N, C-alpha and C. Protein backbone atom coordinates (compact mmCIF):
# COMPACT_ATOMS: atom_id res chain seq x y z
N MET A 1 -1.51 5.65 11.88
CA MET A 1 -2.74 4.68 12.36
C MET A 1 -2.52 3.52 11.80
N GLN A 2 -3.67 2.48 12.83
CA GLN A 2 -4.33 1.44 12.69
C GLN A 2 -5.49 1.23 12.18
N LEU A 3 -5.63 0.12 11.44
CA LEU A 3 -6.70 -0.28 10.37
C LEU A 3 -7.33 -0.99 12.11
N PRO A 4 -8.77 -1.33 11.68
CA PRO A 4 -9.19 -2.29 12.84
C PRO A 4 -9.11 -3.96 12.23
N ASP A 5 -9.05 -4.34 13.85
CA ASP A 5 -8.63 -5.81 13.64
C ASP A 5 -10.06 -6.77 12.57
N ALA A 6 -9.15 -7.39 12.34
CA ALA A 6 -9.79 -8.15 11.48
C ALA A 6 -9.71 -7.11 9.59
N THR A 7 -9.14 -6.33 9.07
CA THR A 7 -8.93 -5.84 8.28
C THR A 7 -7.92 -6.28 7.33
N ALA A 8 -8.19 -6.86 5.74
CA ALA A 8 -7.20 -7.56 4.81
C ALA A 8 -7.00 -6.39 3.79
N LEU A 9 -6.12 -5.94 3.79
CA LEU A 9 -5.85 -4.79 2.19
C LEU A 9 -4.91 -6.02 1.44
N ASP A 10 -4.36 -6.21 0.38
CA ASP A 10 -3.77 -6.66 -1.08
C ASP A 10 -2.68 -5.57 -0.67
N GLY A 11 -1.33 -5.65 -1.29
CA GLY A 11 -0.73 -4.03 -1.37
C GLY A 11 0.69 -5.20 -1.42
N GLU A 12 1.30 -4.29 -1.37
CA GLU A 12 3.07 -4.31 -1.87
C GLU A 12 4.02 -3.47 -0.58
N LEU A 13 5.41 -3.70 -0.23
CA LEU A 13 6.09 -3.10 0.57
C LEU A 13 6.51 -2.62 -0.57
N VAL A 14 6.98 -1.56 -0.62
CA VAL A 14 7.91 -1.26 -1.61
C VAL A 14 8.99 0.44 -0.85
N VAL A 15 10.01 0.43 -1.61
CA VAL A 15 11.00 1.73 -0.99
C VAL A 15 10.62 2.75 -3.03
N TRP A 16 10.42 3.82 -2.86
CA TRP A 16 11.21 4.76 -3.64
C TRP A 16 12.02 5.31 -3.95
N ASP A 17 12.92 5.28 -4.87
CA ASP A 17 14.03 6.73 -4.93
C ASP A 17 13.28 7.70 -4.77
N ALA A 18 14.59 8.51 -5.33
CA ALA A 18 14.31 10.58 -4.92
C ALA A 18 13.54 10.77 -6.08
N ALA A 19 13.69 9.76 -7.63
CA ALA A 19 13.10 10.44 -8.82
C ALA A 19 11.51 9.66 -8.45
N GLY A 20 11.14 9.02 -7.42
CA GLY A 20 9.64 8.53 -7.08
C GLY A 20 9.04 7.39 -8.18
N ARG A 21 10.64 6.64 -8.37
CA ARG A 21 10.57 5.35 -8.77
C ARG A 21 11.08 3.93 -8.13
N LEU A 22 9.86 2.85 -8.06
CA LEU A 22 10.10 1.76 -7.35
C LEU A 22 11.79 1.09 -7.59
N ALA A 23 12.21 1.08 -6.57
CA ALA A 23 13.78 0.59 -6.27
C ALA A 23 13.54 -0.47 -5.63
N PHE A 24 13.16 -1.36 -6.32
CA PHE A 24 13.14 -3.04 -5.69
C PHE A 24 14.35 -2.98 -4.64
N GLU A 25 15.23 -2.88 -5.63
CA GLU A 25 17.40 -3.47 -5.23
C GLU A 25 17.18 -2.70 -3.76
N ARG A 26 16.50 -1.48 -3.10
CA ARG A 26 16.62 -1.05 -1.69
C ARG A 26 16.06 -2.07 -0.92
N LEU A 27 15.03 -2.05 -1.64
CA LEU A 27 13.59 -3.16 -0.43
C LEU A 27 14.74 -4.05 -0.31
N GLN A 28 15.64 -4.96 -0.85
CA GLN A 28 16.36 -6.12 -0.59
C GLN A 28 17.16 -5.72 0.53
N ASN A 29 17.97 -4.24 -0.18
CA ASN A 29 18.75 -4.22 0.49
C ASN A 29 19.01 -4.01 1.97
N ARG A 30 17.27 -3.41 2.03
CA ARG A 30 16.98 -2.97 3.86
C ARG A 30 16.80 -4.79 4.41
N LEU A 31 15.79 -5.57 3.56
CA LEU A 31 16.04 -7.22 4.38
C LEU A 31 16.90 -7.57 4.76
N ALA A 32 18.13 -7.20 3.98
CA ALA A 32 19.66 -8.21 3.96
C ALA A 32 20.09 -7.67 5.73
N ARG A 33 19.90 -6.22 5.65
CA ARG A 33 20.32 -5.51 6.64
C ARG A 33 20.01 -6.42 8.50
N ARG A 34 20.73 -6.16 8.94
CA ARG A 34 21.27 -6.78 9.97
C ARG A 34 21.91 -5.64 11.06
N SER A 35 20.75 -5.84 12.18
CA SER A 35 21.44 -4.82 13.54
C SER A 35 20.90 -3.08 13.49
N ALA A 36 22.55 -3.24 13.38
CA ALA A 36 22.49 -1.49 13.09
C ALA A 36 22.53 -0.97 12.05
N GLY A 37 22.65 -1.33 10.74
CA GLY A 37 22.44 -1.26 9.48
C GLY A 37 21.58 -1.38 9.62
N THR A 38 20.29 -1.95 10.37
CA THR A 38 18.64 -1.94 9.93
C THR A 38 18.20 -0.26 10.08
N ALA A 39 18.62 0.30 10.96
CA ALA A 39 17.85 1.50 11.12
C ALA A 39 18.91 2.35 10.33
N ARG A 40 19.14 2.50 10.12
CA ARG A 40 19.76 3.47 9.58
C ARG A 40 19.40 3.48 7.44
N ALA A 41 19.33 1.99 7.54
CA ALA A 41 18.90 1.82 6.05
C ALA A 41 17.29 2.34 5.88
N ALA A 42 16.48 1.64 7.17
CA ALA A 42 15.40 2.44 7.09
C ALA A 42 15.05 3.92 7.06
N GLU A 43 15.58 4.69 7.85
CA GLU A 43 16.31 6.28 7.67
C GLU A 43 16.41 6.43 6.45
N GLU A 44 17.14 5.96 5.28
CA GLU A 44 18.15 6.15 4.69
C GLU A 44 16.50 5.57 3.37
N TRP A 45 16.43 4.50 3.40
CA TRP A 45 15.63 4.18 2.00
C TRP A 45 13.44 3.94 2.57
N PRO A 46 12.71 4.61 3.29
CA PRO A 46 11.83 4.42 4.22
C PRO A 46 11.02 3.30 2.98
N THR A 47 9.98 2.21 3.67
CA THR A 47 9.36 1.78 3.24
C THR A 47 7.79 2.06 3.34
N HIS A 48 7.14 2.28 2.11
CA HIS A 48 5.71 1.89 1.68
C HIS A 48 4.89 1.57 1.57
N PHE A 49 3.42 0.77 2.26
CA PHE A 49 2.43 -0.33 2.06
C PHE A 49 1.71 0.41 0.85
N VAL A 50 1.60 0.05 -0.19
CA VAL A 50 0.91 0.91 -1.54
C VAL A 50 -0.41 -0.08 -1.48
N ALA A 51 -1.31 -0.17 -0.96
CA ALA A 51 -2.48 -1.03 -1.29
C ALA A 51 -3.35 -1.09 -2.47
N PHE A 52 -3.38 -1.98 -2.88
CA PHE A 52 -4.01 -2.53 -4.03
C PHE A 52 -6.06 -2.82 -3.92
N ASN A 53 -6.40 -3.30 -2.66
CA ASN A 53 -8.03 -3.86 -2.80
C ASN A 53 -7.84 -4.28 -1.40
N LEU A 54 -9.22 -4.26 -0.80
CA LEU A 54 -9.42 -4.87 -0.07
C LEU A 54 -9.62 -6.11 0.18
N LEU A 55 -9.63 -7.05 0.95
CA LEU A 55 -9.51 -8.40 0.92
C LEU A 55 -10.99 -8.72 2.15
N ARG A 56 -11.11 -7.77 3.16
CA ARG A 56 -12.10 -8.12 4.60
C ARG A 56 -11.51 -6.67 5.11
N LEU A 57 -12.17 -6.24 5.93
CA LEU A 57 -13.46 -5.06 6.82
C LEU A 57 -13.75 -6.50 8.27
N PRO A 58 -13.42 -5.42 9.30
CA PRO A 58 -14.72 -6.76 10.35
C PRO A 58 -15.93 -7.50 10.73
N GLY A 59 -15.63 -8.71 10.32
CA GLY A 59 -16.89 -9.28 9.81
C GLY A 59 -17.48 -9.33 8.40
N THR A 60 -16.77 -9.10 7.48
CA THR A 60 -16.98 -8.43 6.18
C THR A 60 -16.33 -9.23 5.42
N ASP A 61 -16.21 -10.39 4.98
CA ASP A 61 -15.85 -11.16 3.86
C ASP A 61 -15.88 -10.25 2.11
N THR A 62 -14.78 -9.33 1.89
CA THR A 62 -15.34 -8.35 0.81
C THR A 62 -14.43 -8.80 -0.67
N ALA A 63 -14.32 -10.20 -0.69
CA ALA A 63 -13.17 -10.57 -1.83
C ALA A 63 -14.47 -10.87 -2.65
N SER A 64 -15.58 -11.25 -2.68
CA SER A 64 -16.53 -11.41 -3.78
C SER A 64 -17.56 -10.41 -3.95
N TRP A 65 -17.00 -9.32 -3.53
CA TRP A 65 -17.61 -7.55 -4.33
C TRP A 65 -16.78 -7.98 -5.51
N PRO A 66 -18.18 -7.33 -6.27
CA PRO A 66 -17.27 -6.63 -7.56
C PRO A 66 -16.35 -5.12 -6.90
N TYR A 67 -15.24 -5.19 -8.26
CA TYR A 67 -14.37 -5.15 -8.03
C TYR A 67 -14.80 -3.25 -7.27
N ARG A 68 -15.74 -2.42 -8.06
CA ARG A 68 -15.48 -0.87 -7.85
C ARG A 68 -16.48 -0.64 -6.80
N ARG A 69 -17.02 -2.12 -6.34
CA ARG A 69 -17.66 -1.82 -4.73
C ARG A 69 -16.46 -2.20 -3.67
N ARG A 70 -15.67 -2.83 -3.94
CA ARG A 70 -14.67 -2.81 -3.03
C ARG A 70 -13.43 -1.87 -3.20
N ARG A 71 -13.24 -1.22 -4.10
CA ARG A 71 -12.43 -0.27 -4.62
C ARG A 71 -12.91 1.12 -3.36
N ALA A 72 -14.11 1.65 -3.80
CA ALA A 72 -14.71 2.44 -2.82
C ALA A 72 -14.67 2.12 -1.59
N ALA A 73 -15.00 0.85 -0.99
CA ALA A 73 -14.65 0.60 0.40
C ALA A 73 -13.20 1.07 0.60
N LEU A 74 -12.36 0.40 -0.36
CA LEU A 74 -10.69 0.77 0.05
C LEU A 74 -10.52 2.28 0.01
N GLU A 75 -10.93 3.14 -0.93
CA GLU A 75 -10.80 4.44 -0.33
C GLU A 75 -11.19 4.84 0.69
N SER A 76 -12.33 4.27 0.85
CA SER A 76 -13.80 5.23 2.18
C SER A 76 -12.84 4.45 3.44
N VAL A 77 -12.01 4.28 3.12
CA VAL A 77 -10.89 3.32 4.56
C VAL A 77 -10.24 4.14 4.82
N PHE A 78 -9.45 4.82 3.47
CA PHE A 78 -7.69 5.44 3.54
C PHE A 78 -8.41 6.87 4.13
N ALA A 79 -9.90 7.30 3.46
CA ALA A 79 -10.28 8.95 3.65
C ALA A 79 -10.76 8.56 5.23
N THR A 80 -11.31 7.79 5.69
CA THR A 80 -11.62 7.84 6.85
C THR A 80 -10.81 7.71 8.27
N ARG A 81 -9.80 6.50 7.35
CA ARG A 81 -8.63 6.99 8.86
C ARG A 81 -7.84 7.23 8.80
N ARG A 82 -7.57 8.39 7.68
CA ARG A 82 -6.65 9.53 7.21
C ARG A 82 -5.07 9.13 7.10
N LEU A 83 -5.44 7.98 6.35
CA LEU A 83 -4.29 6.94 6.07
C LEU A 83 -3.03 7.63 5.12
N PHE A 84 -1.70 8.01 5.70
CA PHE A 84 -0.82 8.57 4.75
C PHE A 84 0.47 7.75 4.94
N ALA A 85 1.82 8.75 4.63
CA ALA A 85 2.02 7.58 4.63
C ALA A 85 3.08 7.19 5.78
N PRO A 86 2.95 5.95 6.03
CA PRO A 86 4.03 4.62 5.17
C PRO A 86 2.78 3.99 4.17
N TRP A 87 1.53 4.48 4.51
CA TRP A 87 0.68 4.50 3.79
C TRP A 87 0.69 4.43 2.57
N ALA A 88 0.27 4.02 1.45
CA ALA A 88 -0.66 4.87 -0.25
C ALA A 88 -2.00 4.13 -0.45
N LEU A 89 -1.70 4.42 -1.56
CA LEU A 89 -3.63 3.77 -2.35
C LEU A 89 -2.92 3.42 -3.63
N CYS A 90 -2.37 2.72 -4.14
CA CYS A 90 -2.65 3.07 -5.70
C CYS A 90 -3.75 3.47 -6.57
N PRO A 91 -2.95 4.04 -7.42
CA PRO A 91 -4.22 4.97 -8.03
C PRO A 91 -4.70 3.67 -9.04
N SER A 92 -5.75 3.83 -10.00
CA SER A 92 -7.46 3.24 -10.36
C SER A 92 -7.79 4.07 -10.37
N THR A 93 -8.13 3.10 -11.58
CA THR A 93 -9.18 3.79 -12.76
C THR A 93 -10.17 2.91 -13.90
N THR A 94 -10.75 3.23 -13.96
CA THR A 94 -12.05 2.23 -15.47
C THR A 94 -11.97 3.30 -16.51
N GLU A 95 -11.49 3.72 -16.81
CA GLU A 95 -11.55 5.08 -17.86
C GLU A 95 -10.28 4.82 -19.02
N ALA A 96 -10.82 3.92 -19.97
CA ALA A 96 -9.83 3.19 -21.13
C ALA A 96 -8.73 4.69 -21.48
N ASP A 97 -9.08 5.13 -21.68
CA ASP A 97 -8.49 6.68 -22.08
C ASP A 97 -7.11 7.08 -21.06
N VAL A 98 -7.54 6.82 -20.05
CA VAL A 98 -6.21 6.80 -18.63
C VAL A 98 -5.34 5.98 -19.43
N VAL A 99 -6.40 4.53 -18.99
CA VAL A 99 -5.68 3.34 -18.90
C VAL A 99 -4.92 3.46 -19.96
N ARG A 100 -5.10 3.33 -21.21
CA ARG A 100 -3.94 3.71 -22.64
C ARG A 100 -3.09 4.60 -22.44
N GLU A 101 -3.12 6.21 -22.28
CA GLU A 101 -1.99 6.68 -21.92
C GLU A 101 -1.08 5.59 -20.58
């Protein structure tokens, strides 16, 4: 699935290990591969794009919007576009108890 032209997301390219933890060394390893090793590494360690923020929609600069509005718009983009792996929406909360936990 693709995003509309001129959409800008802030996020990070990640690789998770079997336990669901970030595996930065595997991402580095993938980036260092060349030729035949590249396809094998991509199969072994697929990358995901974890979106944190929505910076732009077609015709609209959202960077100046309050966080809650940007977050709602980002969640709407994920729902409307039915984004799934390799796309991932970074969890977010404004509930103090959840943050402390």
